[in-house]
Amino acid sequence: MEKMAEGAFLYILRCADGSFYIGITRTALEIRIAQHNSGVLGGYTVTRRPVTLVFSQWFDRITDAIENERKLKKWSRAKKEAFVRGDFAALRHLAARRSPYPSTPPGGVD
């Protein structure tokens, strides 16, 4: 297995069922995708093949790749879709904080 430098790729795969898989790899991206498609890695993608690469980014430090992977995995499907499409206006809208408290008019009476 060909190992890259000190950094790592963050990648997003679209699975055959339309779901996303987000991962990181220090190996060449082409090799990692082939591993997912062959089923040798097991896990989430093994029953959702074939997979297609829809996004990748190289990080010089693996810790940065891991940090970004964790963030993306917490995102809603809608945010992931907007990100993959490159629709940053929609992504900003979807990222707007929602208040955990119901809105009440001044004075506290509905």
PDB file of N, CA and C in Angstrom:
ATOM      1  N   MET A   1       0.853  -1.186   0.000  1.00  0.00           N
ATOM      2  CA  MET A   1       0.000   0.000   0.000  1.00  0.00           C
ATOM      3  C   MET A   1       0.889   1.236   0.000  1.00  0.00           C
ATOM      4  N   GLU A   2       0.616   2.130  -0.935  1.00  0.00           N
ATOM      5  CA  GLU A   2       1.392   3.356  -1.053  1.00  0.00           C
ATOM      6  C   GLU A   2       0.943   4.340   0.011  1.00  0.00           C
ATOM      7  N   LYS A   3       1.896   4.800   0.831  1.00  0.00           N
ATOM      8  CA  LYS A   3       1.592   5.748   1.884  1.00  0.00           C
ATOM      9  C   LYS A   3       2.051   7.136   1.456  1.00  0.00           C
ATOM     10  N   MET A   4       1.217   8.124   1.724  1.00  0.00           N
ATOM     11  CA  MET A   4       1.543   9.496   1.355  1.00  0.00           C
ATOM     12  C   MET A   4       2.460  10.096   2.433  1.00  0.00           C
ATOM     13  N   ALA A   5       2.736  11.384   2.326  1.00  0.00           N
ATOM     14  CA  ALA A   5       3.604  12.085   3.268  1.00  0.00           C
ATOM     15  C   ALA A   5       2.994  12.106   4.665  1.00  0.00           C
ATOM     16  N   GLU A   6       3.230  13.152   5.395  1.00  0.00           N
ATOM     17  CA  GLU A   6       2.761  13.251   6.774  1.00  0.00           C
ATOM     18  C   GLU A   6       1.285  13.599   6.896  1.00  0.00           C
ATOM     19  N   GLY A   7       0.721  14.139   5.863  1.00  0.00           N
ATOM     20  CA  GLY A   7      -0.664  14.582   5.918  1.00  0.00           C
ATOM     21  C   GLY A   7      -1.639  13.480   5.571  1.00  0.00           C
ATOM     22  N   ALA A   8      -2.843  13.905   5.191  1.00  0.00           N
ATOM     23  CA  ALA A   8      -3.890  12.935   4.858  1.00  0.00           C
ATOM     24  C   ALA A   8      -4.950  13.609   4.000  1.00  0.00           C
ATOM     25  N   PHE A   9      -5.662  12.775   3.243  1.00  0.00           N
ATOM     26  CA  PHE A   9      -6.814  13.226   2.487  1.00  0.00           C
ATOM     27  C   PHE A   9      -8.061  13.076   3.342  1.00  0.00           C
ATOM     28  N   LEU A  10      -8.914  14.084   3.301  1.00  0.00           N
ATOM     29  CA  LEU A  10     -10.292  13.986   3.766  1.00  0.00           C
ATOM     30  C   LEU A  10     -11.098  13.742   2.508  1.00  0.00           C
ATOM     31  N   TYR A  11     -12.011  12.776   2.539  1.00  0.00           N
ATOM     32  CA  TYR A  11     -12.788  12.500   1.336  1.00  0.00           C
ATOM     33  C   TYR A  11     -14.236  12.190   1.686  1.00  0.00           C
ATOM     34  N   ILE A  12     -15.101  12.460   0.707  1.00  0.00           N
ATOM     35  CA  ILE A  12     -16.521  12.147   0.833  1.00  0.00           C
ATOM     36  C   ILE A  12     -16.894  11.270  -0.341  1.00  0.00           C
ATOM     37  N   LEU A  13     -17.545  10.156  -0.042  1.00  0.00           N
ATOM     38  CA  LEU A  13     -18.031   9.240  -1.068  1.00  0.00           C
ATOM     39  C   LEU A  13     -19.545   9.281  -1.085  1.00  0.00           C
ATOM     40  N   ARG A  14     -20.116   9.215  -2.273  1.00  0.00           N
ATOM     41  CA  ARG A  14     -21.559   9.011  -2.398  1.00  0.00           C
ATOM     42  C   ARG A  14     -21.732   7.523  -2.654  1.00  0.00           C
ATOM     43  N   CYS A  15     -22.525   6.886  -1.809  1.00  0.00           N
ATOM     44  CA  CYS A  15     -22.759   5.449  -1.911  1.00  0.00           C
ATOM     45  C   CYS A  15     -23.902   5.182  -2.884  1.00  0.00           C
ATOM     46  N   ALA A  16     -24.021   3.934  -3.307  1.00  0.00           N
ATOM     47  CA  ALA A  16     -25.054   3.540  -4.269  1.00  0.00           C
ATOM     48  C   ALA A  16     -26.462   3.842  -3.753  1.00  0.00           C
ATOM     49  N   ASP A  17     -26.655   3.841  -2.437  1.00  0.00           N
ATOM     50  CA  ASP A  17     -27.975   4.137  -1.873  1.00  0.00           C
ATOM     51  C   ASP A  17     -28.208   5.634  -1.686  1.00  0.00           C
ATOM     52  N   GLY A  18     -27.258   6.465  -2.121  1.00  0.00           N
ATOM     53  CA  GLY A  18     -27.393   7.918  -2.012  1.00  0.00           C
ATOM     54  C   GLY A  18     -26.831   8.500  -0.732  1.00  0.00           C
ATOM     55  N   SER A  19     -26.452   7.659   0.216  1.00  0.00           N
ATOM     56  CA  SER A  19     -25.888   8.161   1.467  1.00  0.00           C
ATOM     57  C   SER A  19     -24.439   8.598   1.247  1.00  0.00           C
ATOM     58  N   PHE A  20     -23.905   9.294   2.234  1.00  0.00           N
ATOM     59  CA  PHE A  20     -22.523   9.746   2.178  1.00  0.00           C
ATOM     60  C   PHE A  20     -21.664   8.963   3.162  1.00  0.00           C
ATOM     61  N   TYR A  21     -20.420   8.764   2.779  1.00  0.00           N
ATOM     62  CA  TYR A  21     -19.414   8.224   3.691  1.00  0.00           C
ATOM     63  C   TYR A  21     -18.291   9.241   3.729  1.00  0.00           C
ATOM     64  N   ILE A  22     -17.863   9.613   4.925  1.00  0.00           N
ATOM     65  CA  ILE A  22     -16.792  10.584   5.105  1.00  0.00           C
ATOM     66  C   ILE A  22     -15.637   9.881   5.790  1.00  0.00           C
ATOM     67  N   GLY A  23     -14.458  10.013   5.216  1.00  0.00           N
ATOM     68  CA  GLY A  23     -13.297   9.346   5.796  1.00  0.00           C
ATOM     69  C   GLY A  23     -12.022  10.106   5.525  1.00  0.00           C
ATOM     70  N   ILE A  24     -10.943   9.586   6.090  1.00  0.00           N
ATOM     71  CA  ILE A  24      -9.611  10.125   5.829  1.00  0.00           C
ATOM     72  C   ILE A  24      -8.700   8.965   5.470  1.00  0.00           C
ATOM     73  N   THR A  25      -7.649   9.289   4.730  1.00  0.00           N
ATOM     74  CA  THR A  25      -6.670   8.272   4.380  1.00  0.00           C
ATOM     75  C   THR A  25      -5.309   8.915   4.190  1.00  0.00           C
ATOM     76  N   ARG A  26      -4.292   8.150   4.537  1.00  0.00           N
ATOM     77  CA  ARG A  26      -2.921   8.569   4.276  1.00  0.00           C
ATOM     78  C   ARG A  26      -2.398   7.881   3.031  1.00  0.00           C
ATOM     79  N   THR A  27      -3.170   6.962   2.480  1.00  0.00           N
ATOM     80  CA  THR A  27      -2.769   6.292   1.242  1.00  0.00           C
ATOM     81  C   THR A  27      -3.267   7.107   0.057  1.00  0.00           C
ATOM     82  N   ALA A  28      -2.844   6.732  -1.125  1.00  0.00           N
ATOM     83  CA  ALA A  28      -3.303   7.410  -2.334  1.00  0.00           C
ATOM     84  C   ALA A  28      -4.821   7.277  -2.436  1.00  0.00           C
ATOM     85  N   LEU A  29      -5.470   8.337  -2.816  1.00  0.00           N
ATOM     86  CA  LEU A  29      -6.933   8.374  -2.865  1.00  0.00           C
ATOM     87  C   LEU A  29      -7.510   7.316  -3.804  1.00  0.00           C
ATOM     88  N   GLU A  30      -6.878   7.118  -4.940  1.00  0.00           N
ATOM     89  CA  GLU A  30      -7.361   6.112  -5.902  1.00  0.00           C
ATOM     90  C   GLU A  30      -7.358   4.715  -5.285  1.00  0.00           C
ATOM     91  N   ILE A  31      -6.330   4.430  -4.497  1.00  0.00           N
ATOM     92  CA  ILE A  31      -6.235   3.123  -3.829  1.00  0.00           C
ATOM     93  C   ILE A  31      -7.351   2.977  -2.812  1.00  0.00           C
ATOM     94  N   ARG A  32      -7.593   4.035  -2.031  1.00  0.00           N
ATOM     95  CA  ARG A  32      -8.626   3.959  -0.988  1.00  0.00           C
ATOM     96  C   ARG A  32     -10.012   3.749  -1.599  1.00  0.00           C
ATOM     97  N   ILE A  33     -10.321   4.446  -2.666  1.00  0.00           N
ATOM     98  CA  ILE A  33     -11.629   4.278  -3.316  1.00  0.00           C
ATOM     99  C   ILE A  33     -11.761   2.868  -3.869  1.00  0.00           C
ATOM    100  N   ALA A  34     -10.700   2.350  -4.469  1.00  0.00           N
ATOM    101  CA  ALA A  34     -10.710   0.972  -4.977  1.00  0.00           C
ATOM    102  C   ALA A  34     -10.946  -0.016  -3.833  1.00  0.00           C
ATOM    103  N   GLN A  35     -10.363   0.256  -2.668  1.00  0.00           N
ATOM    104  CA  GLN A  35     -10.572  -0.616  -1.511  1.00  0.00           C
ATOM    105  C   GLN A  35     -12.037  -0.595  -1.082  1.00  0.00           C
ATOM    106  N   HIS A  36     -12.637   0.595  -1.045  1.00  0.00           N
ATOM    107  CA  HIS A  36     -14.063   0.689  -0.700  1.00  0.00           C
ATOM    108  C   HIS A  36     -14.894  -0.093  -1.714  1.00  0.00           C
ATOM    109  N   ASN A  37     -14.613   0.090  -2.989  1.00  0.00           N
ATOM    110  CA  ASN A  37     -15.409  -0.558  -4.035  1.00  0.00           C
ATOM    111  C   ASN A  37     -15.201  -2.068  -4.106  1.00  0.00           C
ATOM    112  N   SER A  38     -14.058  -2.556  -3.659  1.00  0.00           N
ATOM    113  CA  SER A  38     -13.818  -3.999  -3.674  1.00  0.00           C
ATOM    114  C   SER A  38     -14.405  -4.682  -2.443  1.00  0.00           C
ATOM    115  N   GLY A  39     -14.695  -3.897  -1.398  1.00  0.00           N
ATOM    116  CA  GLY A  39     -15.263  -4.464  -0.180  1.00  0.00           C
ATOM    117  C   GLY A  39     -14.243  -4.923   0.838  1.00  0.00           C
ATOM    118  N   VAL A  40     -12.953  -4.759   0.565  1.00  0.00           N
ATOM    119  CA  VAL A  40     -11.932  -5.248   1.497  1.00  0.00           C
ATOM    120  C   VAL A  40     -11.904  -4.487   2.817  1.00  0.00           C
ATOM    121  N   LEU A  41     -12.428  -3.275   2.844  1.00  0.00           N
ATOM    122  CA  LEU A  41     -12.414  -2.492   4.078  1.00  0.00           C
ATOM    123  C   LEU A  41     -13.560  -2.854   5.015  1.00  0.00           C
ATOM    124  N   GLY A  42     -14.586  -3.494   4.489  1.00  0.00           N
ATOM    125  CA  GLY A  42     -15.743  -3.797   5.338  1.00  0.00           C
ATOM    126  C   GLY A  42     -16.431  -2.518   5.759  1.00  0.00           C
ATOM    127  N   GLY A  43     -17.135  -2.574   6.859  1.00  0.00           N
ATOM    128  CA  GLY A  43     -17.761  -1.384   7.418  1.00  0.00           C
ATOM    129  C   GLY A  43     -18.925  -0.847   6.599  1.00  0.00           C
ATOM    130  N   TYR A  44     -19.167   0.426   6.725  1.00  0.00           N
ATOM    131  CA  TYR A  44     -20.352   1.091   6.196  1.00  0.00           C
ATOM    132  C   TYR A  44     -20.528   0.906   4.695  1.00  0.00           C
ATOM    133  N   THR A  45     -19.461   1.035   3.935  1.00  0.00           N
ATOM    134  CA  THR A  45     -19.593   1.041   2.480  1.00  0.00           C
ATOM    135  C   THR A  45     -19.721  -0.347   1.861  1.00  0.00           C
ATOM    136  N   VAL A  46     -19.430  -1.391   2.598  1.00  0.00           N
ATOM    137  CA  VAL A  46     -19.391  -2.724   1.998  1.00  0.00           C
ATOM    138  C   VAL A  46     -20.733  -3.146   1.403  1.00  0.00           C
ATOM    139  N   THR A  47     -21.837  -2.712   1.988  1.00  0.00           N
ATOM    140  CA  THR A  47     -23.166  -3.063   1.470  1.00  0.00           C
ATOM    141  C   THR A  47     -23.777  -1.934   0.649  1.00  0.00           C
ATOM    142  N   ARG A  48     -23.000  -0.880   0.406  1.00  0.00           N
ATOM    143  CA  ARG A  48     -23.520   0.288  -0.314  1.00  0.00           C
ATOM    144  C   ARG A  48     -22.688   0.602  -1.560  1.00  0.00           C
ATOM    145  N   ARG A  49     -22.094  -0.424  -2.134  1.00  0.00           N
ATOM    146  CA  ARG A  49     -21.251  -0.248  -3.318  1.00  0.00           C
ATOM    147  C   ARG A  49     -22.087  -0.266  -4.578  1.00  0.00           C
ATOM    148  N   PRO A  50     -21.602   0.377  -5.621  1.00  0.00           N
ATOM    149  CA  PRO A  50     -20.329   1.085  -5.724  1.00  0.00           C
ATOM    150  C   PRO A  50     -20.400   2.472  -5.085  1.00  0.00           C
ATOM    151  N   VAL A  51     -19.234   2.981  -4.756  1.00  0.00           N
ATOM    152  CA  VAL A  51     -19.135   4.333  -4.207  1.00  0.00           C
ATOM    153  C   VAL A  51     -18.442   5.220  -5.224  1.00  0.00           C
ATOM    154  N   THR A  52     -18.734   6.516  -5.133  1.00  0.00           N
ATOM    155  CA  THR A  52     -18.152   7.498  -6.041  1.00  0.00           C
ATOM    156  C   THR A  52     -17.567   8.639  -5.221  1.00  0.00           C
ATOM    157  N   LEU A  53     -16.365   9.031  -5.539  1.00  0.00           N
ATOM    158  CA  LEU A  53     -15.733  10.160  -4.870  1.00  0.00           C
ATOM    159  C   LEU A  53     -16.428  11.443  -5.295  1.00  0.00           C
ATOM    160  N   VAL A  54     -16.908  12.238  -4.319  1.00  0.00           N
ATOM    161  CA  VAL A  54     -17.560  13.503  -4.647  1.00  0.00           C
ATOM    162  C   VAL A  54     -16.806  14.715  -4.088  1.00  0.00           C
ATOM    163  N   PHE A  55     -15.848  14.459  -3.190  1.00  0.00           N
ATOM    164  CA  PHE A  55     -15.063  15.558  -2.632  1.00  0.00           C
ATOM    165  C   PHE A  55     -13.793  14.976  -2.028  1.00  0.00           C
ATOM    166  N   SER A  56     -12.701  15.725  -2.170  1.00  0.00           N
ATOM    167  CA  SER A  56     -11.467  15.379  -1.457  1.00  0.00           C
ATOM    168  C   SER A  56     -10.658  16.638  -1.213  1.00  0.00           C
ATOM    169  N   GLN A  57      -9.915  16.611  -0.137  1.00  0.00           N
ATOM    170  CA  GLN A  57      -9.026  17.730   0.187  1.00  0.00           C
ATOM    171  C   GLN A  57      -7.815  17.178   0.919  1.00  0.00           C
ATOM    172  N   TRP A  58      -6.643  17.618   0.527  1.00  0.00           N
ATOM    173  CA  TRP A  58      -5.404  17.222   1.178  1.00  0.00           C
ATOM    174  C   TRP A  58      -5.119  18.168   2.334  1.00  0.00           C
ATOM    175  N   PHE A  59      -4.726  17.600   3.469  1.00  0.00           N
ATOM    176  CA  PHE A  59      -4.302  18.379   4.630  1.00  0.00           C
ATOM    177  C   PHE A  59      -2.854  18.011   4.924  1.00  0.00           C
ATOM    178  N   ASP A  60      -2.035  19.005   5.173  1.00  0.00           N
ATOM    179  CA  ASP A  60      -0.620  18.749   5.454  1.00  0.00           C
ATOM    180  C   ASP A  60      -0.422  18.029   6.789  1.00  0.00           C
ATOM    181  N   ARG A  61      -1.378  18.204   7.695  1.00  0.00           N
ATOM    182  CA  ARG A  61      -1.306  17.519   8.997  1.00  0.00           C
ATOM    183  C   ARG A  61      -2.519  16.607   9.148  1.00  0.00           C
ATOM    184  N   ILE A  62      -2.294  15.372   9.521  1.00  0.00           N
ATOM    185  CA  ILE A  62      -3.386  14.413   9.671  1.00  0.00           C
ATOM    186  C   ILE A  62      -4.368  14.872  10.740  1.00  0.00           C
ATOM    187  N   THR A  63      -3.877  15.578  11.752  1.00  0.00           N
ATOM    188  CA  THR A  63      -4.771  16.059  12.810  1.00  0.00           C
ATOM    189  C   THR A  63      -5.805  17.038  12.255  1.00  0.00           C
ATOM    190  N   ASP A  64      -5.420  17.832  11.258  1.00  0.00           N
ATOM    191  CA  ASP A  64      -6.378  18.750  10.627  1.00  0.00           C
ATOM    192  C   ASP A  64      -7.424  17.977   9.832  1.00  0.00           C
ATOM    193  N   ALA A  65      -6.992  16.921   9.150  1.00  0.00           N
ATOM    194  CA  ALA A  65      -7.931  16.083   8.400  1.00  0.00           C
ATOM    195  C   ALA A  65      -8.931  15.428   9.359  1.00  0.00           C
ATOM    196  N   ILE A  66      -8.445  14.918  10.470  1.00  0.00           N
ATOM    197  CA  ILE A  66      -9.317  14.270  11.462  1.00  0.00           C
ATOM    198  C   ILE A  66     -10.312  15.273  12.034  1.00  0.00           C
ATOM    199  N   GLU A  67      -9.842  16.465  12.361  1.00  0.00           N
ATOM    200  CA  GLU A  67     -10.716  17.503  12.914  1.00  0.00           C
ATOM    201  C   GLU A  67     -11.851  17.843  11.935  1.00  0.00           C
ATOM    202  N   ASN A  68     -11.511  18.006  10.667  1.00  0.00           N
ATOM    203  CA  ASN A  68     -12.523  18.331   9.665  1.00  0.00           C
ATOM    204  C   ASN A  68     -13.453  17.160   9.391  1.00  0.00           C
ATOM    205  N   GLU A  69     -12.944  15.945   9.428  1.00  0.00           N
ATOM    206  CA  GLU A  69     -13.790  14.763   9.274  1.00  0.00           C
ATOM    207  C   GLU A  69     -14.852  14.724  10.370  1.00  0.00           C
ATOM    208  N   ARG A  70     -14.445  14.968  11.589  1.00  0.00           N
ATOM    209  CA  ARG A  70     -15.391  14.955  12.723  1.00  0.00           C
ATOM    210  C   ARG A  70     -16.465  16.021  12.570  1.00  0.00           C
ATOM    211  N   LYS A  71     -16.079  17.203  12.098  1.00  0.00           N
ATOM    212  CA  LYS A  71     -17.054  18.275  11.878  1.00  0.00           C
ATOM    213  C   LYS A  71     -18.076  17.872  10.817  1.00  0.00           C
ATOM    214  N   LEU A  72     -17.580  17.392   9.673  1.00  0.00           N
ATOM    215  CA  LEU A  72     -18.479  17.032   8.573  1.00  0.00           C
ATOM    216  C   LEU A  72     -19.436  15.906   8.959  1.00  0.00           C
ATOM    217  N   LYS A  73     -18.960  14.954   9.725  1.00  0.00           N
ATOM    218  CA  LYS A  73     -19.806  13.827  10.114  1.00  0.00           C
ATOM    219  C   LYS A  73     -20.991  14.270  10.977  1.00  0.00           C
ATOM    220  N   LYS A  74     -20.857  15.393  11.652  1.00  0.00           N
ATOM    221  CA  LYS A  74     -21.940  15.912  12.498  1.00  0.00           C
ATOM    222  C   LYS A  74     -22.967  16.714  11.706  1.00  0.00           C
ATOM    223  N   TRP A  75     -22.647  17.071  10.483  1.00  0.00           N
ATOM    224  CA  TRP A  75     -23.541  17.895   9.672  1.00  0.00           C
ATOM    225  C   TRP A  75     -24.766  17.117   9.236  1.00  0.00           C
ATOM    226  N   SER A  76     -25.839  17.853   8.996  1.00  0.00           N
ATOM    227  CA  SER A  76     -27.058  17.262   8.448  1.00  0.00           C
ATOM    228  C   SER A  76     -26.810  16.844   7.003  1.00  0.00           C
ATOM    229  N   ARG A  77     -27.689  15.992   6.512  1.00  0.00           N
ATOM    230  CA  ARG A  77     -27.582  15.579   5.112  1.00  0.00           C
ATOM    231  C   ARG A  77     -27.683  16.789   4.177  1.00  0.00           C
ATOM    232  N   ALA A  78     -28.579  17.727   4.495  1.00  0.00           N
ATOM    233  CA  ALA A  78     -28.762  18.919   3.663  1.00  0.00           C
ATOM    234  C   ALA A  78     -27.468  19.738   3.591  1.00  0.00           C
ATOM    235  N   LYS A  79     -26.779  19.891   4.711  1.00  0.00           N
ATOM    236  CA  LYS A  79     -25.512  20.628   4.711  1.00  0.00           C
ATOM    237  C   LYS A  79     -24.456  19.895   3.897  1.00  0.00           C
ATOM    238  N   LYS A  80     -24.400  18.568   4.030  1.00  0.00           N
ATOM    239  CA  LYS A  80     -23.437  17.789   3.247  1.00  0.00           C
ATOM    240  C   LYS A  80     -23.716  17.914   1.755  1.00  0.00           C
ATOM    241  N   GLU A  81     -24.997  17.861   1.373  1.00  0.00           N
ATOM    242  CA  GLU A  81     -25.382  18.006  -0.039  1.00  0.00           C
ATOM    243  C   GLU A  81     -24.937  19.367  -0.570  1.00  0.00           C
ATOM    244  N   ALA A  82     -25.205  20.437   0.182  1.00  0.00           N
ATOM    245  CA  ALA A  82     -24.830  21.786  -0.239  1.00  0.00           C
ATOM    246  C   ALA A  82     -23.308  21.902  -0.364  1.00  0.00           C
ATOM    247  N   PHE A  83     -22.593  21.329   0.572  1.00  0.00           N
ATOM    248  CA  PHE A  83     -21.129  21.359   0.546  1.00  0.00           C
ATOM    249  C   PHE A  83     -20.589  20.652  -0.697  1.00  0.00           C
ATOM    250  N   VAL A  84     -21.097  19.467  -0.975  1.00  0.00           N
ATOM    251  CA  VAL A  84     -20.650  18.692  -2.135  1.00  0.00           C
ATOM    252  C   VAL A  84     -20.971  19.430  -3.435  1.00  0.00           C
ATOM    253  N   ARG A  85     -22.130  20.101  -3.485  1.00  0.00           N
ATOM    254  CA  ARG A  85     -22.516  20.875  -4.674  1.00  0.00           C
ATOM    255  C   ARG A  85     -21.700  22.152  -4.816  1.00  0.00           C
ATOM    256  N   GLY A  86     -21.053  22.571  -3.732  1.00  0.00           N
ATOM    257  CA  GLY A  86     -20.339  23.840  -3.746  1.00  0.00           C
ATOM    258  C   GLY A  86     -21.281  25.022  -3.606  1.00  0.00           C
ATOM    259  N   ASP A  87     -22.464  24.775  -3.063  1.00  0.00           N
ATOM    260  CA  ASP A  87     -23.488  25.807  -2.880  1.00  0.00           C
ATOM    261  C   ASP A  87     -23.285  26.461  -1.511  1.00  0.00           C
ATOM    262  N   PHE A  88     -22.361  27.407  -1.469  1.00  0.00           N
ATOM    263  CA  PHE A  88     -21.977  27.990  -0.197  1.00  0.00           C
ATOM    264  C   PHE A  88     -23.028  28.940   0.368  1.00  0.00           C
ATOM    265  N   ALA A  89     -23.884  29.504  -0.479  1.00  0.00           N
ATOM    266  CA  ALA A  89     -24.987  30.333   0.014  1.00  0.00           C
ATOM    267  C   ALA A  89     -25.961  29.450   0.801  1.00  0.00           C
ATOM    268  N   ALA A  90     -26.297  28.289   0.237  1.00  0.00           N
ATOM    269  CA  ALA A  90     -27.192  27.366   0.941  1.00  0.00           C
ATOM    270  C   ALA A  90     -26.526  26.842   2.203  1.00  0.00           C
ATOM    271  N   LEU A  91     -25.249  26.602   2.143  1.00  0.00           N
ATOM    272  CA  LEU A  91     -24.526  26.106   3.311  1.00  0.00           C
ATOM    273  C   LEU A  91     -24.555  27.128   4.438  1.00  0.00           C
ATOM    274  N   ARG A  92     -24.351  28.406   4.106  1.00  0.00           N
ATOM    275  CA  ARG A  92     -24.430  29.464   5.128  1.00  0.00           C
ATOM    276  C   ARG A  92     -25.826  29.512   5.735  1.00  0.00           C
ATOM    277  N   HIS A  93     -26.845  29.406   4.894  1.00  0.00           N
ATOM    278  CA  HIS A  93     -28.231  29.431   5.384  1.00  0.00           C
ATOM    279  C   HIS A  93     -28.487  28.236   6.316  1.00  0.00           C
ATOM    280  N   LEU A  94     -28.048  27.071   5.913  1.00  0.00           N
ATOM    281  CA  LEU A  94     -28.262  25.865   6.712  1.00  0.00           C
ATOM    282  C   LEU A  94     -27.457  25.876   8.009  1.00  0.00           C
ATOM    283  N   ALA A  95     -26.351  26.603   8.001  1.00  0.00           N
ATOM    284  CA  ALA A  95     -25.488  26.659   9.181  1.00  0.00           C
ATOM    285  C   ALA A  95     -25.959  27.690  10.197  1.00  0.00           C
ATOM    286  N   ALA A  96     -26.929  28.524   9.821  1.00  0.00           N
ATOM    287  CA  ALA A  96     -27.424  29.550  10.753  1.00  0.00           C
ATOM    288  C   ALA A  96     -27.924  28.871  12.017  1.00  0.00           C
ATOM    289  N   ARG A  97     -27.533  29.410  13.126  1.00  0.00           N
ATOM    290  CA  ARG A  97     -27.917  28.813  14.408  1.00  0.00           C
ATOM    291  C   ARG A  97     -29.411  28.896  14.611  1.00  0.00           C
ATOM    292  N   ARG A  98     -29.931  27.841  15.099  1.00  0.00           N
ATOM    293  CA  ARG A  98     -31.344  27.799  15.463  1.00  0.00           C
ATOM    294  C   ARG A  98     -31.420  27.909  16.985  1.00  0.00           C
ATOM    295  N   SER A  99     -32.286  28.756  17.462  1.00  0.00           N
ATOM    296  CA  SER A  99     -32.427  28.931  18.901  1.00  0.00           C
ATOM    297  C   SER A  99     -33.079  27.693  19.509  1.00  0.00           C
ATOM    298  N   PRO A 100     -32.543  27.194  20.620  1.00  0.00           N
ATOM    299  CA  PRO A 100     -33.163  26.037  21.261  1.00  0.00           C
ATOM    300  C   PRO A 100     -34.437  26.404  22.032  1.00  0.00           C
ATOM    301  N   TYR A 101     -34.730  27.707  22.099  1.00  0.00           N
ATOM    302  CA  TYR A 101     -35.883  28.163  22.852  1.00  0.00           C
ATOM    303  C   TYR A 101     -36.948  28.714  21.896  1.00  0.00           C
ATOM    304  N   PRO A 102     -38.231  28.499  22.214  1.00  0.00           N
ATOM    305  CA  PRO A 102     -39.271  29.050  21.358  1.00  0.00           C
ATOM    306  C   PRO A 102     -39.247  30.570  21.373  1.00  0.00           C
ATOM    307  N   SER A 103     -39.609  31.157  20.257  1.00  0.00           N
ATOM    308  CA  SER A 103     -39.647  32.597  20.148  1.00  0.00           C
ATOM    309  C   SER A 103     -40.879  33.140  20.863  1.00  0.00           C
ATOM    310  N   THR A 104     -40.679  34.119  21.713  1.00  0.00           N
ATOM    311  CA  THR A 104     -41.827  34.773  22.378  1.00  0.00           C
ATOM    312  C   THR A 104     -41.706  36.270  22.181  1.00  0.00           C
ATOM    313  N   PRO A 105     -42.817  36.938  22.007  1.00  0.00           N
ATOM    314  CA  PRO A 105     -42.762  38.395  21.815  1.00  0.00           C
ATOM    315  C   PRO A 105     -42.342  39.088  23.107  1.00  0.00           C
ATOM    316  N   PRO A 106     -41.930  40.355  22.993  1.00  0.00           N
ATOM    317  CA  PRO A 106     -41.584  41.116  24.203  1.00  0.00           C
ATOM    318  C   PRO A 106     -42.721  41.076  25.204  1.00  0.00           C
ATOM    319  N   GLY A 107     -42.413  40.903  26.446  1.00  0.00           N
ATOM    320  CA  GLY A 107     -43.440  40.822  27.489  1.00  0.00           C
ATOM    321  C   GLY A 107     -43.744  39.369  27.825  1.00  0.00           C
ATOM    322  N   GLY A 108     -43.298  38.441  27.000  1.00  0.00           N
ATOM    323  CA  GLY A 108     -43.440  37.036  27.301  1.00  0.00           C
ATOM    324  C   GLY A 108     -44.804  36.431  27.070  1.00  0.00           C
ATOM    325  N   VAL A 109     -45.692  37.118  26.364  1.00  0.00           N
ATOM    326  CA  VAL A 109     -47.039  36.590  26.127  1.00  0.00           C
ATOM    327  C   VAL A 109     -47.187  36.290  24.665  1.00  0.00           C
ATOM    328  N   ASP A 110     -47.693  35.095  24.338  1.00  0.00           N
ATOM    329  CA  ASP A 110     -47.929  34.736  22.939  1.00  0.00           C
ATOM    330  C   ASP A 110     -49.256  35.240  22.464  1.00  0.00           C
TER     331      ASP A 110
END
